[in-house]
Amino acid sequence: MFDFSFGELMVVGLVALVVLGPERLPKAARFVGLWVRRARAQWYSVKSELERELVSEELRRSLADGKQVMRETEAELRSADAQFRTAVSNTVAEVRAASVELDGSVVESPHKLLGEVPMEPPAQLAEQQPPDIPAARPADTGTGTPGQDAHGQ
């Protein structure tokens, strides 16, 4: 805090000894020490208070920034939700329109409307199976599966 050399302190001590005398110098030294300790305590108190205020202000700023980011994210999510809902409602409207066209026999195949490749119906697939694989499984004629008693339980 204050920059005193050893020589300067010796001069101050000698002046204090001459002015105060040997009887009052120890009391004066204790009194000066007490005030120096109090001044340092006040200085550290003010310093720590300022640091706490700076930290709390920084936290407030950080919280405000976090809230702003959350608001922006919420706005983006709401915008994406609105776009998604619009796209879904447009798709539903297109499907309904296609359904109306199909009911009126305007469109030959719904797959052409949707741009899909049609799958063959299961009956056509069954006809294409090799003849050695049975189309249906024969019914079981046994009394039951192993582990079942005579009542079928």
C-alpha atoms as a PDB file:
ATOM      1  CA  MET A   1       0.000   0.000   0.000  1.00  0.00           C
ATOM      2  CA  PHE A   2       2.476   2.662   1.160  1.00  0.00           C
ATOM      3  CA  ASP A   3       6.075   2.284   0.081  1.00  0.00           C
ATOM      4  CA  PHE A   4       8.346   3.036   3.069  1.00  0.00           C
ATOM      5  CA  SER A   5      11.952   1.977   3.205  1.00  0.00           C
ATOM      6  CA  PHE A   6      13.615   0.747   6.389  1.00  0.00           C
ATOM      7  CA  GLY A   7      15.507   4.050   6.803  1.00  0.00           C
ATOM      8  CA  GLU A   8      12.299   6.069   6.632  1.00  0.00           C
ATOM      9  CA  LEU A   9      10.675   3.855   9.258  1.00  0.00           C
ATOM     10  CA  MET A  10      13.673   4.343  11.569  1.00  0.00           C
ATOM     11  CA  VAL A  11      13.399   8.131  11.212  1.00  0.00           C
ATOM     12  CA  VAL A  12       9.649   8.038  12.022  1.00  0.00           C
ATOM     13  CA  GLY A  13      10.347   5.772  15.033  1.00  0.00           C
ATOM     14  CA  LEU A  14      13.058   8.103  16.404  1.00  0.00           C
ATOM     15  CA  VAL A  15      10.821  11.174  15.961  1.00  0.00           C
ATOM     16  CA  ALA A  16       7.971   9.354  17.746  1.00  0.00           C
ATOM     17  CA  LEU A  17      10.347   8.354  20.591  1.00  0.00           C
ATOM     18  CA  VAL A  18      11.529  11.932  21.040  1.00  0.00           C
ATOM     19  CA  VAL A  19       8.054  13.479  20.813  1.00  0.00           C
ATOM     20  CA  LEU A  20       6.099  10.909  22.848  1.00  0.00           C
ATOM     21  CA  GLY A  21       8.749   9.627  25.162  1.00  0.00           C
ATOM     22  CA  PRO A  22       9.480   6.066  26.191  1.00  0.00           C
ATOM     23  CA  GLU A  23       6.386   5.803  28.444  1.00  0.00           C
ATOM     24  CA  ARG A  24       3.691   6.749  25.919  1.00  0.00           C
ATOM     25  CA  LEU A  25       5.350   5.236  22.806  1.00  0.00           C
ATOM     26  CA  PRO A  26       4.102   1.606  23.364  1.00  0.00           C
ATOM     27  CA  LYS A  27       0.500   2.839  23.837  1.00  0.00           C
ATOM     28  CA  ALA A  28       0.779   5.014  20.723  1.00  0.00           C
ATOM     29  CA  ALA A  29       2.247   2.107  18.752  1.00  0.00           C
ATOM     30  CA  ARG A  30      -0.663  -0.137  19.818  1.00  0.00           C
ATOM     31  CA  PHE A  31      -3.121   2.616  18.906  1.00  0.00           C
ATOM     32  CA  VAL A  32      -1.517   3.103  15.456  1.00  0.00           C
ATOM     33  CA  GLY A  33      -1.473  -0.689  14.918  1.00  0.00           C
ATOM     34  CA  LEU A  34      -5.159  -0.879  15.844  1.00  0.00           C
ATOM     35  CA  TRP A  35      -6.054   1.797  13.327  1.00  0.00           C
ATOM     36  CA  VAL A  36      -3.917   0.214  10.625  1.00  0.00           C
ATOM     37  CA  ARG A  37      -5.685  -3.131  11.204  1.00  0.00           C
ATOM     38  CA  ARG A  38      -9.063  -1.414  11.066  1.00  0.00           C
ATOM     39  CA  ALA A  39      -8.121   0.404   7.852  1.00  0.00           C
ATOM     40  CA  ARG A  40      -6.974  -2.875   6.268  1.00  0.00           C
ATOM     41  CA  ALA A  41     -10.149  -4.649   7.400  1.00  0.00           C
ATOM     42  CA  GLN A  42     -12.264  -1.875   5.867  1.00  0.00           C
ATOM     43  CA  TRP A  43     -10.214  -2.004   2.687  1.00  0.00           C
ATOM     44  CA  TYR A  44     -10.666  -5.793   2.355  1.00  0.00           C
ATOM     45  CA  SER A  45     -14.349  -5.481   3.197  1.00  0.00           C
ATOM     46  CA  VAL A  46     -14.903  -2.893   0.466  1.00  0.00           C
ATOM     47  CA  LYS A  47     -12.815  -4.931  -1.958  1.00  0.00           C
ATOM     48  CA  SER A  48     -14.751  -8.156  -1.284  1.00  0.00           C
ATOM     49  CA  GLU A  49     -18.074  -6.289  -1.531  1.00  0.00           C
ATOM     50  CA  LEU A  50     -17.080  -4.904  -4.934  1.00  0.00           C
ATOM     51  CA  GLU A  51     -16.007  -8.365  -6.106  1.00  0.00           C
ATOM     52  CA  ARG A  52     -19.318  -9.865  -4.963  1.00  0.00           C
ATOM     53  CA  GLU A  53     -21.223  -7.125  -6.779  1.00  0.00           C
ATOM     54  CA  LEU A  54     -19.229  -7.745  -9.951  1.00  0.00           C
ATOM     55  CA  VAL A  55     -19.857 -11.483  -9.732  1.00  0.00           C
ATOM     56  CA  SER A  56     -23.572 -10.985  -9.129  1.00  0.00           C
ATOM     57  CA  GLU A  57     -23.768  -8.521 -12.024  1.00  0.00           C
ATOM     58  CA  GLU A  58     -21.966 -11.013 -14.246  1.00  0.00           C
ATOM     59  CA  LEU A  59     -24.423 -13.730 -13.186  1.00  0.00           C
ATOM     60  CA  ARG A  60     -27.351 -11.440 -13.943  1.00  0.00           C
ATOM     61  CA  ARG A  61     -25.919 -10.735 -17.382  1.00  0.00           C
ATOM     62  CA  SER A  62     -25.372 -14.443 -17.965  1.00  0.00           C
ATOM     63  CA  LEU A  63     -28.956 -15.226 -16.910  1.00  0.00           C
ATOM     64  CA  ALA A  64     -30.302 -12.489 -19.166  1.00  0.00           C
ATOM     65  CA  ASP A  65     -28.275 -13.870 -22.080  1.00  0.00           C
ATOM     66  CA  GLY A  66     -29.568 -17.369 -21.315  1.00  0.00           C
ATOM     67  CA  LYS A  67     -33.150 -16.116 -21.247  1.00  0.00           C
ATOM     68  CA  GLN A  68     -32.631 -14.362 -24.579  1.00  0.00           C
ATOM     69  CA  VAL A  69     -31.232 -17.535 -26.144  1.00  0.00           C
ATOM     70  CA  MET A  70     -34.203 -19.498 -24.780  1.00  0.00           C
ATOM     71  CA  ARG A  71     -36.637 -16.961 -26.234  1.00  0.00           C
ATOM     72  CA  GLU A  72     -34.927 -17.155 -29.637  1.00  0.00           C
ATOM     73  CA  THR A  73     -34.983 -20.949 -29.525  1.00  0.00           C
ATOM     74  CA  GLU A  74     -38.647 -20.924 -28.545  1.00  0.00           C
ATOM     75  CA  ALA A  75     -39.441 -18.598 -31.450  1.00  0.00           C
ATOM     76  CA  GLU A  76     -37.543 -20.877 -33.849  1.00  0.00           C
ATOM     77  CA  LEU A  77     -39.390 -23.919 -32.519  1.00  0.00           C
ATOM     78  CA  ARG A  78     -42.749 -22.183 -32.871  1.00  0.00           C
ATOM     79  CA  SER A  79     -41.856 -21.191 -36.431  1.00  0.00           C
ATOM     80  CA  ALA A  80     -40.795 -24.754 -37.268  1.00  0.00           C
ATOM     81  CA  ASP A  81     -44.005 -26.063 -35.662  1.00  0.00           C
ATOM     82  CA  ALA A  82     -46.104 -23.667 -37.742  1.00  0.00           C
ATOM     83  CA  GLN A  83     -44.285 -24.719 -40.923  1.00  0.00           C
ATOM     84  CA  PHE A  84     -44.740 -28.388 -40.050  1.00  0.00           C
ATOM     85  CA  ARG A  85     -48.430 -27.913 -39.330  1.00  0.00           C
ATOM     86  CA  THR A  86     -48.858 -26.046 -42.623  1.00  0.00           C
ATOM     87  CA  ALA A  87     -47.067 -28.805 -44.518  1.00  0.00           C
ATOM     88  CA  VAL A  88     -49.182 -31.478 -42.833  1.00  0.00           C
ATOM     89  CA  SER A  89     -52.426 -29.645 -43.550  1.00  0.00           C
ATOM     90  CA  ASN A  90     -51.366 -29.159 -47.185  1.00  0.00           C
ATOM     91  CA  THR A  91     -50.553 -32.860 -47.456  1.00  0.00           C
ATOM     92  CA  VAL A  92     -53.878 -33.801 -45.889  1.00  0.00           C
ATOM     93  CA  ALA A  93     -55.654 -31.507 -48.344  1.00  0.00           C
ATOM     94  CA  GLU A  94     -53.783 -33.085 -51.265  1.00  0.00           C
ATOM     95  CA  VAL A  95     -54.654 -36.603 -50.080  1.00  0.00           C
ATOM     96  CA  ARG A  96     -58.300 -35.643 -49.651  1.00  0.00           C
ATOM     97  CA  ALA A  97     -58.317 -34.131 -53.135  1.00  0.00           C
ATOM     98  CA  ALA A  98     -56.721 -37.288 -54.498  1.00  0.00           C
ATOM     99  CA  SER A  99     -59.330 -39.357 -52.674  1.00  0.00           C
ATOM    100  CA  VAL A 100     -62.096 -37.328 -54.278  1.00  0.00           C
ATOM    101  CA  GLU A 101     -60.474 -37.782 -57.689  1.00  0.00           C
ATOM    102  CA  LEU A 102     -60.145 -41.517 -57.067  1.00  0.00           C
ATOM    103  CA  ASP A 103     -63.781 -41.794 -56.077  1.00  0.00           C
ATOM    104  CA  GLY A 104     -64.696 -40.041 -59.298  1.00  0.00           C
ATOM    105  CA  SER A 105     -62.418 -42.416 -61.278  1.00  0.00           C
ATOM    106  CA  VAL A 106     -60.413 -39.519 -62.619  1.00  0.00           C
ATOM    107  CA  VAL A 107     -57.080 -41.027 -61.593  1.00  0.00           C
ATOM    108  CA  GLU A 108     -56.299 -44.580 -62.661  1.00  0.00           C
ATOM    109  CA  SER A 109     -53.887 -45.395 -59.828  1.00  0.00           C
ATOM    110  CA  PRO A 110     -53.263 -43.588 -56.536  1.00  0.00           C
ATOM    111  CA  HIS A 111     -49.586 -44.534 -56.848  1.00  0.00           C
ATOM    112  CA  LYS A 112     -49.255 -42.357 -59.921  1.00  0.00           C
ATOM    113  CA  LEU A 113     -50.619 -39.427 -57.945  1.00  0.00           C
ATOM    114  CA  LEU A 114     -48.219 -39.955 -55.068  1.00  0.00           C
ATOM    115  CA  GLY A 115     -45.294 -40.937 -57.284  1.00  0.00           C
ATOM    116  CA  GLU A 116     -44.894 -44.391 -55.729  1.00  0.00           C
ATOM    117  CA  VAL A 117     -44.156 -47.770 -57.257  1.00  0.00           C
ATOM    118  CA  PRO A 118     -47.185 -50.015 -56.671  1.00  0.00           C
ATOM    119  CA  MET A 119     -46.720 -53.272 -54.791  1.00  0.00           C
ATOM    120  CA  GLU A 120     -48.313 -56.395 -56.169  1.00  0.00           C
ATOM    121  CA  PRO A 121     -51.310 -57.640 -54.229  1.00  0.00           C
ATOM    122  CA  PRO A 122     -50.772 -60.735 -52.071  1.00  0.00           C
ATOM    123  CA  ALA A 123     -52.893 -62.923 -54.402  1.00  0.00           C
ATOM    124  CA  GLN A 124     -50.525 -62.234 -57.292  1.00  0.00           C
ATOM    125  CA  LEU A 125     -47.549 -62.983 -55.066  1.00  0.00           C
ATOM    126  CA  ALA A 126     -49.078 -66.344 -54.048  1.00  0.00           C
ATOM    127  CA  GLU A 127     -49.430 -67.286 -57.702  1.00  0.00           C
ATOM    128  CA  GLN A 128     -45.747 -66.577 -58.304  1.00  0.00           C
ATOM    129  CA  GLN A 129     -44.566 -68.937 -55.521  1.00  0.00           C
ATOM    130  CA  PRO A 130     -42.816 -72.129 -56.629  1.00  0.00           C
ATOM    131  CA  PRO A 131     -45.202 -75.134 -56.721  1.00  0.00           C
ATOM    132  CA  ASP A 132     -43.247 -77.190 -54.160  1.00  0.00           C
ATOM    133  CA  ILE A 133     -43.962 -74.699 -51.313  1.00  0.00           C
ATOM    134  CA  PRO A 134     -47.543 -75.087 -50.054  1.00  0.00           C
ATOM    135  CA  ALA A 135     -49.547 -71.872 -50.048  1.00  0.00           C
ATOM    136  CA  ALA A 136     -51.296 -72.667 -46.777  1.00  0.00           C
ATOM    137  CA  ARG A 137     -50.222 -74.759 -43.807  1.00  0.00           C
ATOM    138  CA  PRO A 138     -52.283 -77.933 -43.263  1.00  0.00           C
ATOM    139  CA  ALA A 139     -54.313 -78.078 -40.057  1.00  0.00           C
ATOM    140  CA  ASP A 140     -52.826 -79.982 -37.151  1.00  0.00           C
ATOM    141  CA  THR A 141     -54.536 -83.318 -36.600  1.00  0.00           C
ATOM    142  CA  GLY A 142     -52.606 -84.260 -33.469  1.00  0.00           C
ATOM    143  CA  THR A 143     -53.956 -84.324 -29.944  1.00  0.00           C
ATOM    144  CA  GLY A 144     -52.023 -81.245 -28.903  1.00  0.00           C
ATOM    145  CA  THR A 145     -48.586 -79.982 -28.315  1.00  0.00           C
ATOM    146  CA  PRO A 146     -46.233 -81.815 -25.980  1.00  0.00           C
ATOM    147  CA  GLY A 147     -46.789 -80.809 -22.381  1.00  0.00           C
ATOM    148  CA  GLN A 148     -50.539 -80.362 -22.683  1.00  0.00           C
ATOM    149  CA  ASP A 149     -52.776 -82.769 -20.802  1.00  0.00           C
ATOM    150  CA  ALA A 150     -55.878 -84.493 -22.183  1.00  0.00           C
ATOM    151  CA  HIS A 151     -58.104 -81.440 -21.556  1.00  0.00           C
ATOM    152  CA  GLY A 152     -56.041 -79.187 -23.840  1.00  0.00           C
ATOM    153  CA  GLN A 153     -54.638 -77.029 -21.104  1.00  0.00           C
END
